[in-house]
Amino acid sequence: MVAISTVSVSGQGKFAQQKNAGNALQFDGVDDYAKGDTSNYGITNAMTVEFWMNTGTTNAYSGLVTRTETEKKSWAVTMQSNDKVRFDVYHATGYATVISTVAVNDGQWHHIAGVIGDAGKIRLYVDGKLQPIKPFTQTMNATTATLQLGNDPSAVRRNFTGLLDEI
């Protein structure tokens, strides 16, 4: 397990003030996001990224937990325009994508887990339920892109509206 060593919050991002939100980070979908460090910890073949999320808003193409920048892409968990979760893993010649079969914009807490390198596949779980599986036998791009929460910096205006916790 790798822990994020430092996190800074940009915009008006804050710890949630809502009932039953605990210490979740709250994002406004405009300019809020949190940044971690730039180390990839040597991860290129196997990893799991998991977290809890809660939103009642359509978050077209917004970043949830990402390690991407315009030219430095490794992996990203984002929202689709249809309110489903997308997990992208980048390699030297492109990327592989898994998209959930269920929408998660219902105002409830959802556990999300993206898994890379499990028997040559990428997997996505929503609330413990396995979503479609894709082959992935390449090596994931190593990157110095900053870990970001609530934003996908690979494009403009991809900020998340909602809560993220236990990342």
Foldseek 3Di string as FASTA:
>chain_A
DDDFPDKDKDDPWAQDPDPPRPRWIFFALFIIKMWTFQAPVPAWAKDKDKWKWFAQDQQAFAFAKAQDAQPFHAWTWAAHNVQWIKIWGAADPGIDIFTFPDHRNRRDMWMWMWIGNDVQWIWIDINNHTGDIGGHPGITGRTRGIIMGQGDNNDPSRGDGTIIGDD
